[in-house]
Amino acid sequence: MRSHAIGVLVGLAGLAAIAGADVAVYNGVVLGETASLETRWGSIYGIAGRAPVAGDTFGARALVQDGASAFFIDDVPDTHLFGAVEAAGVNFLGNLGDSFSIASAVTDLGGGQELVQVEMTNLNASGAPSMWHPTPGLLSPNGVPYNSWRLDVGSTAAGTDDIAWDPALFAVVSSGFTAFDSTGASLGTFALTLDTSTATGLSGVGVIGIGGGDIGGFDLASIQLFWEVKKVPAPGSLGVIGLGALFAVRRRR
């Protein structure tokens, strides 16, 4: 275990309040009790995919929370090229040699619908997925155990560099996040803690715990945020479609 040196303290009380200081339960389901949970999408660990906008970058940060504050546990770089697999800095809470890897991809689901995924995985010194936080009983600078994991993409602690979208007009059909263990098995899919997506970009925060208990030593190796988006016609094209339909009605008459 490396010396206990958390990267940068997120000292804003409002930040922890926005993301949820202890967002451990969603609809009565606690992480680890996932037999009835649907896994919406699988892991994309190590897989690169096409980007929605050529050359687009986005921000992403890995954090842990202790019920009162949130703490960065990743080192630079924290800005990444979408559609790539990139290093995301050392893991300050991991074992010696641990580091984060981030993968991002867009998949065409057909019918004008797209799936956007961003996944942060901790890797051990051998390059295999391993726990974000492997040490039970480790105390935060506030003197209490960490009780939740957190991944911010394109907002809040990750800044304002969201995932740009082209065309600019789209509708988010659904969103969420999934946690995976070191074998790649799903630990459950949950609603985003905070979805900050706009008409031109995707961003959000996923926070998960184990009922408020110490997360040290729990086998969570990856967190993936995802959005299902559907392209919507530009207003002008809707007008053309409507006009065409009107002409067709008149011809029938």
Foldseek 3Di string as FASTA:
>chain_A
DDPQDFDDWPPDQVLCVLLPQAPQDDPRDGQPRPPPFDDPDFDCVPHFADAQDPFAKKFKFKWFHQSRTITTQADDDGIGGHRDKAWHHAGSQDDPQKTKIKYWYWDDPDPQKIKTKIKIFIAHNVRAGWASHAAPPDADPVGGATFKIKMWMCDRVRDNRFRFHPVLAKAWPAKWKWWAFRVRDTSHIHHFSFWPADSTGTIGMHMHGGRSDHCHRPGTGMMMIMTMMGHDDDPVVVVVVVVVVVVVVVVVD
